[in-house]
Amino acid sequence: MNVIFMGTPGFAVPSLESLVKSRHKIVTVVTQTDKPIGRKRQPCPPPIKEAALGFGIPIIQPKNINDEVVVGKIAGLSPDLIVTVAFGQKISSEILDLPRYICLNIHASLLPKYRGAAPINWALIRGDEETGITSMVMREKMDAGEIIMQKSLRVGDNETAGELGDRLSSLGAEVLMESIDQLDAGDIKYTKQDESLVTYAPKLKKRDGLINWNQNTKEIHNFVRGVNPWPGAYTTVTHNNKTERIIILETEYDLPLSTRPTTLPGTVSGVSDRGIKVVTKNGFVWIARVKPEGKREMKAAAFLHGHGINTGDLFK
């Protein structure tokens, strides 16, 4: 089949690589435009562009995928199949109707759970013990198409969004190729989603990384790993008339207390080689690894030296 592949982040790379190794032909890759990053705001190509260049595949980088000129280019390629993996733009019905077969999407959740841009993050933030990959037919309504195949995996207690994303990206490539094989063989089956079970996973913004110390210990632990590496969990502390912003990379926790702590949540209750012990709604959480703003990441115990964090300080 002639395939058009649409994707942007590193999550989509294993799927592209699997397609390249298959008997199908990728006629073009469609990805987002280069984005400025860093202090110098230098344009940086998305990971899928770099991968496609390495394979010698033609690339289209539209600001708007639904622009009539772009739609015309895609139509002129006469695709049998369009594959999307974390592309990042809403695709119109005009494009969805172009391929000979279907537009096939790989989504990092067990739909209808976690429709939206950040399913991996929200699965961890909500403390799910299981998640997975869904292949589906793309429809205009977000992540609402018929399900082709699903595969699940267990989530580690301390797994971060970045780590889980790596595992799911490999599983996504596996599901993609099996789904295409079914389509190619003519024995594919479609299952409608149960709309009564729909939940959403909205895109996270940088400000969404602020820790709410009024949550319980497990909720805070899940939140920290769920927003690592993006947008990154953070808190602030004021001492010596100076407010410091600290990015929290890793936490540890003990069993919750049988009685609610009397100290205000967010209060530093102790410091040691284990890190910084902070009061939560129902117990304590240990901050194990941090990244002071503008500095390298380090163990919390090392951060304590020279930063003046003391018992009684309040994180907000």
C-alpha atoms as a PDB file:
ATOM      1  CA  MET A   1       0.000   0.000   0.000  1.00  0.00           C
ATOM      2  CA  ASN A   2       1.005   3.612  -0.537  1.00  0.00           C
ATOM      3  CA  VAL A   3       1.060   5.148   2.949  1.00  0.00           C
ATOM      4  CA  ILE A   4       1.180   8.756   4.149  1.00  0.00           C
ATOM      5  CA  PHE A   5       2.563   8.973   7.677  1.00  0.00           C
ATOM      6  CA  MET A   6       1.641  11.881   9.958  1.00  0.00           C
ATOM      7  CA  GLY A   7       3.458  12.309  13.262  1.00  0.00           C
ATOM      8  CA  THR A   8       5.644  14.702  15.222  1.00  0.00           C
ATOM      9  CA  PRO A   9       7.300  13.672  18.538  1.00  0.00           C
ATOM     10  CA  GLY A  10       9.735  10.906  19.392  1.00  0.00           C
ATOM     11  CA  PHE A  11       6.775   8.753  20.428  1.00  0.00           C
ATOM     12  CA  ALA A  12       5.917   8.316  16.723  1.00  0.00           C
ATOM     13  CA  VAL A  13       9.411   7.283  15.573  1.00  0.00           C
ATOM     14  CA  PRO A  14       9.149   3.508  16.301  1.00  0.00           C
ATOM     15  CA  SER A  15       5.932   3.393  14.251  1.00  0.00           C
ATOM     16  CA  LEU A  16       7.624   5.130  11.327  1.00  0.00           C
ATOM     17  CA  GLU A  17      10.612   2.789  11.566  1.00  0.00           C
ATOM     18  CA  SER A  18       8.345  -0.266  11.532  1.00  0.00           C
ATOM     19  CA  LEU A  19       6.548   0.998   8.446  1.00  0.00           C
ATOM     20  CA  VAL A  20       9.854   1.643   6.693  1.00  0.00           C
ATOM     21  CA  LYS A  21      10.858  -2.000   7.300  1.00  0.00           C
ATOM     22  CA  SER A  22       7.538  -3.318   5.969  1.00  0.00           C
ATOM     23  CA  ARG A  23       6.569  -4.120   2.389  1.00  0.00           C
ATOM     24  CA  HIS A  24       4.487  -0.937   2.204  1.00  0.00           C
ATOM     25  CA  LYS A  25       5.701   2.318   0.667  1.00  0.00           C
ATOM     26  CA  ILE A  26       5.736   5.593   2.614  1.00  0.00           C
ATOM     27  CA  VAL A  27       5.115   8.204  -0.066  1.00  0.00           C
ATOM     28  CA  THR A  28       5.557  11.165   2.271  1.00  0.00           C
ATOM     29  CA  VAL A  29       5.802  12.127   5.933  1.00  0.00           C
ATOM     30  CA  VAL A  30       3.714  15.022   7.251  1.00  0.00           C
ATOM     31  CA  THR A  31       4.918  16.664  10.454  1.00  0.00           C
ATOM     32  CA  GLN A  32       4.770  19.929  12.362  1.00  0.00           C
ATOM     33  CA  THR A  33       6.967  22.907  11.532  1.00  0.00           C
ATOM     34  CA  ASP A  34      10.349  23.393  13.235  1.00  0.00           C
ATOM     35  CA  LYS A  35       9.942  25.019  16.652  1.00  0.00           C
ATOM     36  CA  PRO A  36      12.329  27.505  18.325  1.00  0.00           C
ATOM     37  CA  ILE A  37      13.842  26.182  21.549  1.00  0.00           C
ATOM     38  CA  GLY A  38      16.396  27.314  24.124  1.00  0.00           C
ATOM     39  CA  ARG A  39      17.482  30.784  25.064  1.00  0.00           C
ATOM     40  CA  LYS A  40      18.641  31.550  21.543  1.00  0.00           C
ATOM     41  CA  ARG A  41      15.309  30.320  20.118  1.00  0.00           C
ATOM     42  CA  GLN A  42      17.000  28.320  17.387  1.00  0.00           C
ATOM     43  CA  PRO A  43      14.591  26.360  15.135  1.00  0.00           C
ATOM     44  CA  CYS A  44      14.591  22.678  16.044  1.00  0.00           C
ATOM     45  CA  PRO A  45      13.155  19.980  13.755  1.00  0.00           C
ATOM     46  CA  PRO A  46      10.647  17.529  15.259  1.00  0.00           C
ATOM     47  CA  PRO A  47      12.001  13.996  15.846  1.00  0.00           C
ATOM     48  CA  ILE A  48       9.875  12.566  13.031  1.00  0.00           C
ATOM     49  CA  LYS A  49      11.428  14.976  10.532  1.00  0.00           C
ATOM     50  CA  GLU A  50      14.921  13.876  11.545  1.00  0.00           C
ATOM     51  CA  ALA A  51      13.933  10.224  11.223  1.00  0.00           C
ATOM     52  CA  ALA A  52      12.299  10.773   7.820  1.00  0.00           C
ATOM     53  CA  LEU A  53      15.351  12.612   6.504  1.00  0.00           C
ATOM     54  CA  GLY A  54      17.486   9.665   7.591  1.00  0.00           C
ATOM     55  CA  PHE A  55      15.316   7.336   5.530  1.00  0.00           C
ATOM     56  CA  GLY A  56      15.214   9.694   2.539  1.00  0.00           C
ATOM     57  CA  ILE A  57      11.431  10.117   2.710  1.00  0.00           C
ATOM     58  CA  PRO A  58       9.848  13.313   1.327  1.00  0.00           C
ATOM     59  CA  ILE A  59       8.531  15.655   4.021  1.00  0.00           C
ATOM     60  CA  ILE A  60       5.649  18.133   4.237  1.00  0.00           C
ATOM     61  CA  GLN A  61       5.603  20.580   7.169  1.00  0.00           C
ATOM     62  CA  PRO A  62       2.348  22.551   6.990  1.00  0.00           C
ATOM     63  CA  LYS A  63       1.374  25.273   9.406  1.00  0.00           C
ATOM     64  CA  ASN A  64      -2.181  24.155   8.729  1.00  0.00           C
ATOM     65  CA  ILE A  65      -2.750  20.604   7.519  1.00  0.00           C
ATOM     66  CA  ASN A  66      -6.181  21.578   6.219  1.00  0.00           C
ATOM     67  CA  ASP A  67      -4.956  24.356   3.908  1.00  0.00           C
ATOM     68  CA  GLU A  68      -6.321  23.682   0.430  1.00  0.00           C
ATOM     69  CA  VAL A  69      -2.834  23.617  -1.120  1.00  0.00           C
ATOM     70  CA  VAL A  70      -1.700  20.986   1.402  1.00  0.00           C
ATOM     71  CA  VAL A  71      -4.860  18.946   0.882  1.00  0.00           C
ATOM     72  CA  GLY A  72      -4.189  19.077  -2.852  1.00  0.00           C
ATOM     73  CA  LYS A  73      -0.644  17.757  -2.368  1.00  0.00           C
ATOM     74  CA  ILE A  74      -1.893  14.884  -0.246  1.00  0.00           C
ATOM     75  CA  ALA A  75      -4.670  14.053  -2.703  1.00  0.00           C
ATOM     76  CA  GLY A  76      -2.144  14.023  -5.554  1.00  0.00           C
ATOM     77  CA  LEU A  77      -0.216  11.223  -3.830  1.00  0.00           C
ATOM     78  CA  SER A  78      -3.244   8.890  -4.071  1.00  0.00           C
ATOM     79  CA  PRO A  79      -2.739   7.271  -0.656  1.00  0.00           C
ATOM     80  CA  ASP A  80      -4.176   3.863   0.109  1.00  0.00           C
ATOM     81  CA  LEU A  81      -3.758   4.527   3.809  1.00  0.00           C
ATOM     82  CA  ILE A  82      -3.012   7.515   6.050  1.00  0.00           C
ATOM     83  CA  VAL A  83      -1.403   6.741   9.420  1.00  0.00           C
ATOM     84  CA  THR A  84      -1.349   9.292  12.240  1.00  0.00           C
ATOM     85  CA  VAL A  85       0.666   8.945  15.434  1.00  0.00           C
ATOM     86  CA  ALA A  86       0.694  11.997  17.727  1.00  0.00           C
ATOM     87  CA  PHE A  87       0.577  14.425  14.811  1.00  0.00           C
ATOM     88  CA  GLY A  88      -0.755  17.394  16.764  1.00  0.00           C
ATOM     89  CA  GLN A  89      -3.226  19.062  14.398  1.00  0.00           C
ATOM     90  CA  LYS A  90      -6.943  18.494  13.863  1.00  0.00           C
ATOM     91  CA  ILE A  91      -7.520  16.795  10.518  1.00  0.00           C
ATOM     92  CA  SER A  92     -10.541  17.733   8.400  1.00  0.00           C
ATOM     93  CA  SER A  93     -13.041  15.338   6.832  1.00  0.00           C
ATOM     94  CA  GLU A  94     -11.664  16.349   3.432  1.00  0.00           C
ATOM     95  CA  ILE A  95      -8.377  14.632   4.283  1.00  0.00           C
ATOM     96  CA  LEU A  96     -10.016  11.759   6.178  1.00  0.00           C
ATOM     97  CA  ASP A  97     -11.922  10.879   2.992  1.00  0.00           C
ATOM     98  CA  LEU A  98      -8.817  10.809   0.765  1.00  0.00           C
ATOM     99  CA  PRO A  99      -7.265   7.359   1.329  1.00  0.00           C
ATOM    100  CA  ARG A 100      -8.488   4.285  -0.525  1.00  0.00           C
ATOM    101  CA  TYR A 101      -8.991   2.515   2.793  1.00  0.00           C
ATOM    102  CA  ILE A 102      -8.935   4.522   6.055  1.00  0.00           C
ATOM    103  CA  CYS A 103      -7.066   7.030   8.163  1.00  0.00           C
ATOM    104  CA  LEU A 104      -5.611   4.871  10.961  1.00  0.00           C
ATOM    105  CA  ASN A 105      -4.647   6.465  14.265  1.00  0.00           C
ATOM    106  CA  ILE A 106      -2.477   5.112  17.082  1.00  0.00           C
ATOM    107  CA  HIS A 107      -3.531   6.472  20.489  1.00  0.00           C
ATOM    108  CA  ALA A 108      -1.740   5.929  23.817  1.00  0.00           C
ATOM    109  CA  SER A 109      -4.684   4.829  25.962  1.00  0.00           C
ATOM    110  CA  LEU A 110      -7.331   2.144  26.159  1.00  0.00           C
ATOM    111  CA  LEU A 111     -10.113   4.123  24.534  1.00  0.00           C
ATOM    112  CA  PRO A 112     -12.679   5.414  25.305  1.00  0.00           C
ATOM    113  CA  LYS A 113     -10.582   6.269  28.362  1.00  0.00           C
ATOM    114  CA  TYR A 114      -8.374   9.366  28.040  1.00  0.00           C
ATOM    115  CA  ARG A 115      -9.335  10.928  24.751  1.00  0.00           C
ATOM    116  CA  GLY A 116      -7.137  13.948  24.122  1.00  0.00           C
ATOM    117  CA  ALA A 117      -3.572  15.196  23.903  1.00  0.00           C
ATOM    118  CA  ALA A 118      -2.021  13.857  27.128  1.00  0.00           C
ATOM    119  CA  PRO A 119      -3.271  10.311  27.819  1.00  0.00           C
ATOM    120  CA  ILE A 120       0.031   9.050  29.224  1.00  0.00           C
ATOM    121  CA  ASN A 121       0.310  11.899  31.722  1.00  0.00           C
ATOM    122  CA  TRP A 122      -3.239  11.561  32.963  1.00  0.00           C
ATOM    123  CA  ALA A 123      -3.070   7.792  33.337  1.00  0.00           C
ATOM    124  CA  LEU A 124      -0.199   8.287  35.788  1.00  0.00           C
ATOM    125  CA  ILE A 125      -1.684  11.326  37.522  1.00  0.00           C
ATOM    126  CA  ARG A 126      -4.871   9.324  38.144  1.00  0.00           C
ATOM    127  CA  GLY A 127      -2.836   6.396  39.484  1.00  0.00           C
ATOM    128  CA  ASP A 128      -3.913   3.843  36.860  1.00  0.00           C
ATOM    129  CA  GLU A 129      -2.240   0.448  37.164  1.00  0.00           C
ATOM    130  CA  GLU A 130      -2.917  -0.420  33.522  1.00  0.00           C
ATOM    131  CA  THR A 131      -2.912   1.463  30.244  1.00  0.00           C
ATOM    132  CA  GLY A 132      -2.164   0.629  26.631  1.00  0.00           C
ATOM    133  CA  ILE A 133      -2.475   1.380  22.932  1.00  0.00           C
ATOM    134  CA  THR A 134      -5.542   1.651  20.729  1.00  0.00           C
ATOM    135  CA  SER A 135      -5.603   1.615  16.942  1.00  0.00           C
ATOM    136  CA  MET A 136      -8.718   3.181  15.499  1.00  0.00           C
ATOM    137  CA  VAL A 137     -10.320   4.758  12.467  1.00  0.00           C
ATOM    138  CA  MET A 138      -9.884   8.512  12.517  1.00  0.00           C
ATOM    139  CA  ARG A 139     -13.063  10.582  12.610  1.00  0.00           C
ATOM    140  CA  GLU A 140     -13.577  14.331  12.857  1.00  0.00           C
ATOM    141  CA  LYS A 141     -14.619  14.008  16.503  1.00  0.00           C
ATOM    142  CA  MET A 142     -11.489  13.721  18.659  1.00  0.00           C
ATOM    143  CA  ASP A 143     -10.395  10.116  19.301  1.00  0.00           C
ATOM    144  CA  ALA A 144     -13.962   8.888  18.772  1.00  0.00           C
ATOM    145  CA  GLY A 145     -13.473   6.512  15.836  1.00  0.00           C
ATOM    146  CA  GLU A 146     -14.123   2.792  15.706  1.00  0.00           C
ATOM    147  CA  ILE A 147     -11.565   0.653  17.539  1.00  0.00           C
ATOM    148  CA  ILE A 148      -9.514  -1.798  15.477  1.00  0.00           C
ATOM    149  CA  MET A 149      -7.229  -3.286  18.127  1.00  0.00           C
ATOM    150  CA  GLN A 150      -6.062  -2.715  21.705  1.00  0.00           C
ATOM    151  CA  LYS A 151      -3.105  -3.989  23.694  1.00  0.00           C
ATOM    152  CA  SER A 152      -2.484  -3.240  27.364  1.00  0.00           C
ATOM    153  CA  LEU A 153       0.473  -3.146  29.729  1.00  0.00           C
ATOM    154  CA  ARG A 154       1.000  -2.769  33.468  1.00  0.00           C
ATOM    155  CA  VAL A 155       2.209   0.549  34.841  1.00  0.00           C
ATOM    156  CA  GLY A 156       5.136   0.600  37.275  1.00  0.00           C
ATOM    157  CA  ASP A 157       4.587   2.157  40.716  1.00  0.00           C
ATOM    158  CA  ASN A 158       7.406   4.657  40.171  1.00  0.00           C
ATOM    159  CA  GLU A 159       7.321   4.902  36.374  1.00  0.00           C
ATOM    160  CA  THR A 160       7.422   8.416  34.925  1.00  0.00           C
ATOM    161  CA  ALA A 161       5.498   9.687  31.906  1.00  0.00           C
ATOM    162  CA  GLY A 162       8.726   9.680  29.914  1.00  0.00           C
ATOM    163  CA  GLU A 163       9.507   6.067  30.791  1.00  0.00           C
ATOM    164  CA  LEU A 164       5.969   4.880  30.170  1.00  0.00           C
ATOM    165  CA  GLY A 165       5.896   6.804  26.895  1.00  0.00           C
ATOM    166  CA  ASP A 166       8.969   4.910  25.679  1.00  0.00           C
ATOM    167  CA  ARG A 167       7.308   1.573  26.378  1.00  0.00           C
ATOM    168  CA  LEU A 168       4.027   2.622  24.817  1.00  0.00           C
ATOM    169  CA  SER A 169       5.747   3.929  21.688  1.00  0.00           C
ATOM    170  CA  SER A 170       7.188   0.459  21.048  1.00  0.00           C
ATOM    171  CA  LEU A 171       3.813  -1.148  21.722  1.00  0.00           C
ATOM    172  CA  GLY A 172       2.222   1.397  19.388  1.00  0.00           C
ATOM    173  CA  ALA A 173       4.474   0.304  16.527  1.00  0.00           C
ATOM    174  CA  GLU A 174       3.496  -3.312  17.176  1.00  0.00           C
ATOM    175  CA  VAL A 175      -0.224  -2.520  17.196  1.00  0.00           C
ATOM    176  CA  LEU A 176       0.124  -0.390  14.055  1.00  0.00           C
ATOM    177  CA  MET A 177       1.705  -3.153  12.003  1.00  0.00           C
ATOM    178  CA  GLU A 178      -0.751  -5.812  13.181  1.00  0.00           C
ATOM    179  CA  SER A 179      -3.646  -3.494  12.342  1.00  0.00           C
ATOM    180  CA  ILE A 180      -2.274  -2.833   8.857  1.00  0.00           C
ATOM    181  CA  ASP A 181      -1.785  -6.567   8.328  1.00  0.00           C
ATOM    182  CA  GLN A 182      -5.454  -7.129   9.189  1.00  0.00           C
ATOM    183  CA  LEU A 183      -6.492  -4.358   6.814  1.00  0.00           C
ATOM    184  CA  ASP A 184      -4.301  -5.743   4.052  1.00  0.00           C
ATOM    185  CA  ALA A 185      -5.712  -9.258   4.538  1.00  0.00           C
ATOM    186  CA  GLY A 186      -9.292  -8.009   4.499  1.00  0.00           C
ATOM    187  CA  ASP A 187     -10.210  -9.465   7.896  1.00  0.00           C
ATOM    188  CA  ILE A 188     -10.208  -6.264   9.937  1.00  0.00           C
ATOM    189  CA  LYS A 189     -12.991  -5.707  12.497  1.00  0.00           C
ATOM    190  CA  TYR A 190     -14.310  -2.398  13.836  1.00  0.00           C
ATOM    191  CA  THR A 191     -15.833  -1.850  17.284  1.00  0.00           C
ATOM    192  CA  LYS A 192     -17.727   1.307  18.227  1.00  0.00           C
ATOM    193  CA  GLN A 193     -16.643   3.058  21.405  1.00  0.00           C
ATOM    194  CA  ASP A 194     -18.981   3.166  24.401  1.00  0.00           C
ATOM    195  CA  GLU A 195     -19.673   6.881  24.787  1.00  0.00           C
ATOM    196  CA  SER A 196     -20.860   6.391  28.383  1.00  0.00           C
ATOM    197  CA  LEU A 197     -17.289   5.417  29.382  1.00  0.00           C
ATOM    198  CA  VAL A 198     -15.501   8.406  27.809  1.00  0.00           C
ATOM    199  CA  THR A 199     -12.931  10.335  29.859  1.00  0.00           C
ATOM    200  CA  TYR A 200     -10.590  13.079  28.702  1.00  0.00           C
ATOM    201  CA  ALA A 201      -6.889  13.864  28.911  1.00  0.00           C
ATOM    202  CA  PRO A 202      -6.472  17.580  28.124  1.00  0.00           C
ATOM    203  CA  LYS A 203      -3.141  19.030  27.048  1.00  0.00           C
ATOM    204  CA  LEU A 204      -0.934  20.134  29.937  1.00  0.00           C
ATOM    205  CA  LYS A 205       0.595  23.600  30.167  1.00  0.00           C
ATOM    206  CA  LYS A 206       3.669  24.676  32.074  1.00  0.00           C
ATOM    207  CA  ARG A 207       1.652  26.183  34.908  1.00  0.00           C
ATOM    208  CA  ASP A 208      -0.097  22.837  35.409  1.00  0.00           C
ATOM    209  CA  GLY A 209       3.038  21.445  37.062  1.00  0.00           C
ATOM    210  CA  LEU A 210       2.416  23.244  40.377  1.00  0.00           C
ATOM    211  CA  ILE A 211       2.125  20.705  43.217  1.00  0.00           C
ATOM    212  CA  ASN A 212      -0.967  20.849  45.405  1.00  0.00           C
ATOM    213  CA  TRP A 213       0.318  19.871  48.837  1.00  0.00           C
ATOM    214  CA  ASN A 214      -3.264  19.546  50.112  1.00  0.00           C
ATOM    215  CA  GLN A 215      -3.559  16.255  48.224  1.00  0.00           C
ATOM    216  CA  ASN A 216      -2.744  12.926  49.853  1.00  0.00           C
ATOM    217  CA  THR A 217       0.685  11.320  49.679  1.00  0.00           C
ATOM    218  CA  LYS A 218      -0.036   8.871  46.829  1.00  0.00           C
ATOM    219  CA  GLU A 219      -1.749  11.574  44.747  1.00  0.00           C
ATOM    220  CA  ILE A 220       1.303  13.838  45.022  1.00  0.00           C
ATOM    221  CA  HIS A 221       3.665  10.963  44.165  1.00  0.00           C
ATOM    222  CA  ASN A 222       1.557  10.084  41.106  1.00  0.00           C
ATOM    223  CA  PHE A 223       1.377  13.713  40.036  1.00  0.00           C
ATOM    224  CA  VAL A 224       5.168  14.166  40.162  1.00  0.00           C
ATOM    225  CA  ARG A 225       5.821  11.133  37.965  1.00  0.00           C
ATOM    226  CA  GLY A 226       2.872  11.942  35.716  1.00  0.00           C
ATOM    227  CA  VAL A 227       4.286  15.331  34.696  1.00  0.00           C
ATOM    228  CA  ASN A 228       7.904  14.161  34.324  1.00  0.00           C
ATOM    229  CA  PRO A 229       9.484  15.274  32.012  1.00  0.00           C
ATOM    230  CA  TRP A 230       6.770  17.741  30.894  1.00  0.00           C
ATOM    231  CA  PRO A 231       5.594  20.128  32.224  1.00  0.00           C
ATOM    232  CA  GLY A 232       7.575  19.115  35.322  1.00  0.00           C
ATOM    233  CA  ALA A 233       6.301  19.214  38.900  1.00  0.00           C
ATOM    234  CA  TYR A 234       7.393  22.269  40.848  1.00  0.00           C
ATOM    235  CA  THR A 235       6.937  24.065  44.133  1.00  0.00           C
ATOM    236  CA  THR A 236       8.133  27.320  45.655  1.00  0.00           C
ATOM    237  CA  VAL A 237       9.623  28.152  49.032  1.00  0.00           C
ATOM    238  CA  THR A 238      10.418  31.500  50.601  1.00  0.00           C
ATOM    239  CA  HIS A 239      13.331  31.946  52.992  1.00  0.00           C
ATOM    240  CA  ASN A 240      15.563  34.908  53.760  1.00  0.00           C
ATOM    241  CA  ASN A 241      12.980  37.107  51.964  1.00  0.00           C
ATOM    242  CA  LYS A 242      13.665  35.260  48.709  1.00  0.00           C
ATOM    243  CA  THR A 243      11.248  32.977  46.830  1.00  0.00           C
ATOM    244  CA  GLU A 244      12.824  30.012  45.057  1.00  0.00           C
ATOM    245  CA  ARG A 245      11.177  27.763  42.466  1.00  0.00           C
ATOM    246  CA  ILE A 246      12.214  24.107  42.643  1.00  0.00           C
ATOM    247  CA  ILE A 247      11.431  21.421  40.077  1.00  0.00           C
ATOM    248  CA  ILE A 248      10.651  18.084  41.755  1.00  0.00           C
ATOM    249  CA  LEU A 249      11.821  15.112  39.668  1.00  0.00           C
ATOM    250  CA  GLU A 250      11.323  12.180  42.022  1.00  0.00           C
ATOM    251  CA  THR A 251       9.486  11.420  45.234  1.00  0.00           C
ATOM    252  CA  GLU A 252       9.248   8.516  47.636  1.00  0.00           C
ATOM    253  CA  TYR A 253       6.520   7.851  50.151  1.00  0.00           C
ATOM    254  CA  ASP A 254       5.705   5.808  53.240  1.00  0.00           C
ATOM    255  CA  LEU A 255       2.368   4.356  54.264  1.00  0.00           C
ATOM    256  CA  PRO A 256      -0.166   7.068  55.153  1.00  0.00           C
ATOM    257  CA  LEU A 257      -0.642   7.892  58.819  1.00  0.00           C
ATOM    258  CA  SER A 258      -3.645   6.520  60.721  1.00  0.00           C
ATOM    259  CA  THR A 259      -4.442  10.070  61.845  1.00  0.00           C
ATOM    260  CA  ARG A 260      -4.264  13.267  59.806  1.00  0.00           C
ATOM    261  CA  PRO A 261      -1.125  15.377  60.445  1.00  0.00           C
ATOM    262  CA  THR A 262      -1.701  18.490  62.514  1.00  0.00           C
ATOM    263  CA  THR A 263       0.965  20.448  60.616  1.00  0.00           C
ATOM    264  CA  LEU A 264      -0.009  22.468  57.525  1.00  0.00           C
ATOM    265  CA  PRO A 265       0.442  20.485  54.255  1.00  0.00           C
ATOM    266  CA  GLY A 266       3.561  21.645  52.412  1.00  0.00           C
ATOM    267  CA  THR A 267       5.540  22.101  55.615  1.00  0.00           C
ATOM    268  CA  VAL A 268       9.068  20.663  55.662  1.00  0.00           C
ATOM    269  CA  SER A 269       9.029  18.250  58.608  1.00  0.00           C
ATOM    270  CA  GLY A 270      12.580  16.980  58.284  1.00  0.00           C
ATOM    271  CA  VAL A 271      15.729  16.787  56.157  1.00  0.00           C
ATOM    272  CA  SER A 272      18.181  13.906  55.902  1.00  0.00           C
ATOM    273  CA  ASP A 273      20.268  11.852  53.499  1.00  0.00           C
ATOM    274  CA  ARG A 274      16.985  10.481  52.144  1.00  0.00           C
ATOM    275  CA  GLY A 275      15.919  13.957  51.069  1.00  0.00           C
ATOM    276  CA  ILE A 276      13.288  16.463  52.161  1.00  0.00           C
ATOM    277  CA  LYS A 277      10.300  15.210  54.144  1.00  0.00           C
ATOM    278  CA  VAL A 278       7.133  17.210  53.451  1.00  0.00           C
ATOM    279  CA  VAL A 279       3.708  17.058  55.098  1.00  0.00           C
ATOM    280  CA  THR A 280       0.762  16.039  52.896  1.00  0.00           C
ATOM    281  CA  LYS A 281      -2.978  15.770  53.539  1.00  0.00           C
ATOM    282  CA  ASN A 282      -2.659  12.308  55.090  1.00  0.00           C
ATOM    283  CA  GLY A 283       1.040  11.799  55.844  1.00  0.00           C
ATOM    284  CA  PHE A 284       4.416  12.595  54.350  1.00  0.00           C
ATOM    285  CA  VAL A 285       6.209  12.454  51.022  1.00  0.00           C
ATOM    286  CA  TRP A 286       9.973  12.459  50.552  1.00  0.00           C
ATOM    287  CA  ILE A 287      11.452  14.655  47.823  1.00  0.00           C
ATOM    288  CA  ALA A 288      14.306  12.527  46.504  1.00  0.00           C
ATOM    289  CA  ARG A 289      15.564  14.346  43.406  1.00  0.00           C
ATOM    290  CA  VAL A 290      15.242  17.974  42.309  1.00  0.00           C
ATOM    291  CA  LYS A 291      16.337  20.493  39.700  1.00  0.00           C
ATOM    292  CA  PRO A 292      16.827  24.030  40.995  1.00  0.00           C
ATOM    293  CA  GLU A 293      15.761  26.538  38.365  1.00  0.00           C
ATOM    294  CA  GLY A 294      18.603  27.202  35.939  1.00  0.00           C
ATOM    295  CA  LYS A 295      20.801  24.451  37.394  1.00  0.00           C
ATOM    296  CA  ARG A 296      21.441  20.752  36.853  1.00  0.00           C
ATOM    297  CA  GLU A 297      19.352  18.045  38.471  1.00  0.00           C
ATOM    298  CA  MET A 298      20.629  16.545  41.722  1.00  0.00           C
ATOM    299  CA  LYS A 299      19.666  14.458  44.720  1.00  0.00           C
ATOM    300  CA  ALA A 300      17.596  16.394  47.220  1.00  0.00           C
ATOM    301  CA  ALA A 301      20.158  15.646  49.921  1.00  0.00           C
ATOM    302  CA  ALA A 302      22.832  17.413  47.853  1.00  0.00           C
ATOM    303  CA  PHE A 303      20.462  20.298  47.137  1.00  0.00           C
ATOM    304  CA  LEU A 304      20.103  20.947  50.871  1.00  0.00           C
ATOM    305  CA  HIS A 305      23.710  22.063  51.136  1.00  0.00           C
ATOM    306  CA  GLY A 306      23.798  25.785  50.535  1.00  0.00           C
ATOM    307  CA  HIS A 307      20.078  26.302  49.874  1.00  0.00           C
ATOM    308  CA  GLY A 308      18.907  26.892  53.427  1.00  0.00           C
ATOM    309  CA  ILE A 309      15.897  24.558  53.397  1.00  0.00           C
ATOM    310  CA  ASN A 310      15.033  23.875  57.043  1.00  0.00           C
ATOM    311  CA  THR A 311      12.419  22.089  59.098  1.00  0.00           C
ATOM    312  CA  GLY A 312       9.396  24.367  59.360  1.00  0.00           C
ATOM    313  CA  ASP A 313       9.783  25.933  55.894  1.00  0.00           C
ATOM    314  CA  LEU A 314       6.579  25.936  53.843  1.00  0.00           C
ATOM    315  CA  PHE A 315       6.344  24.796  50.231  1.00  0.00           C
ATOM    316  CA  LYS A 316       3.574  26.439  48.206  1.00  0.00           C
END
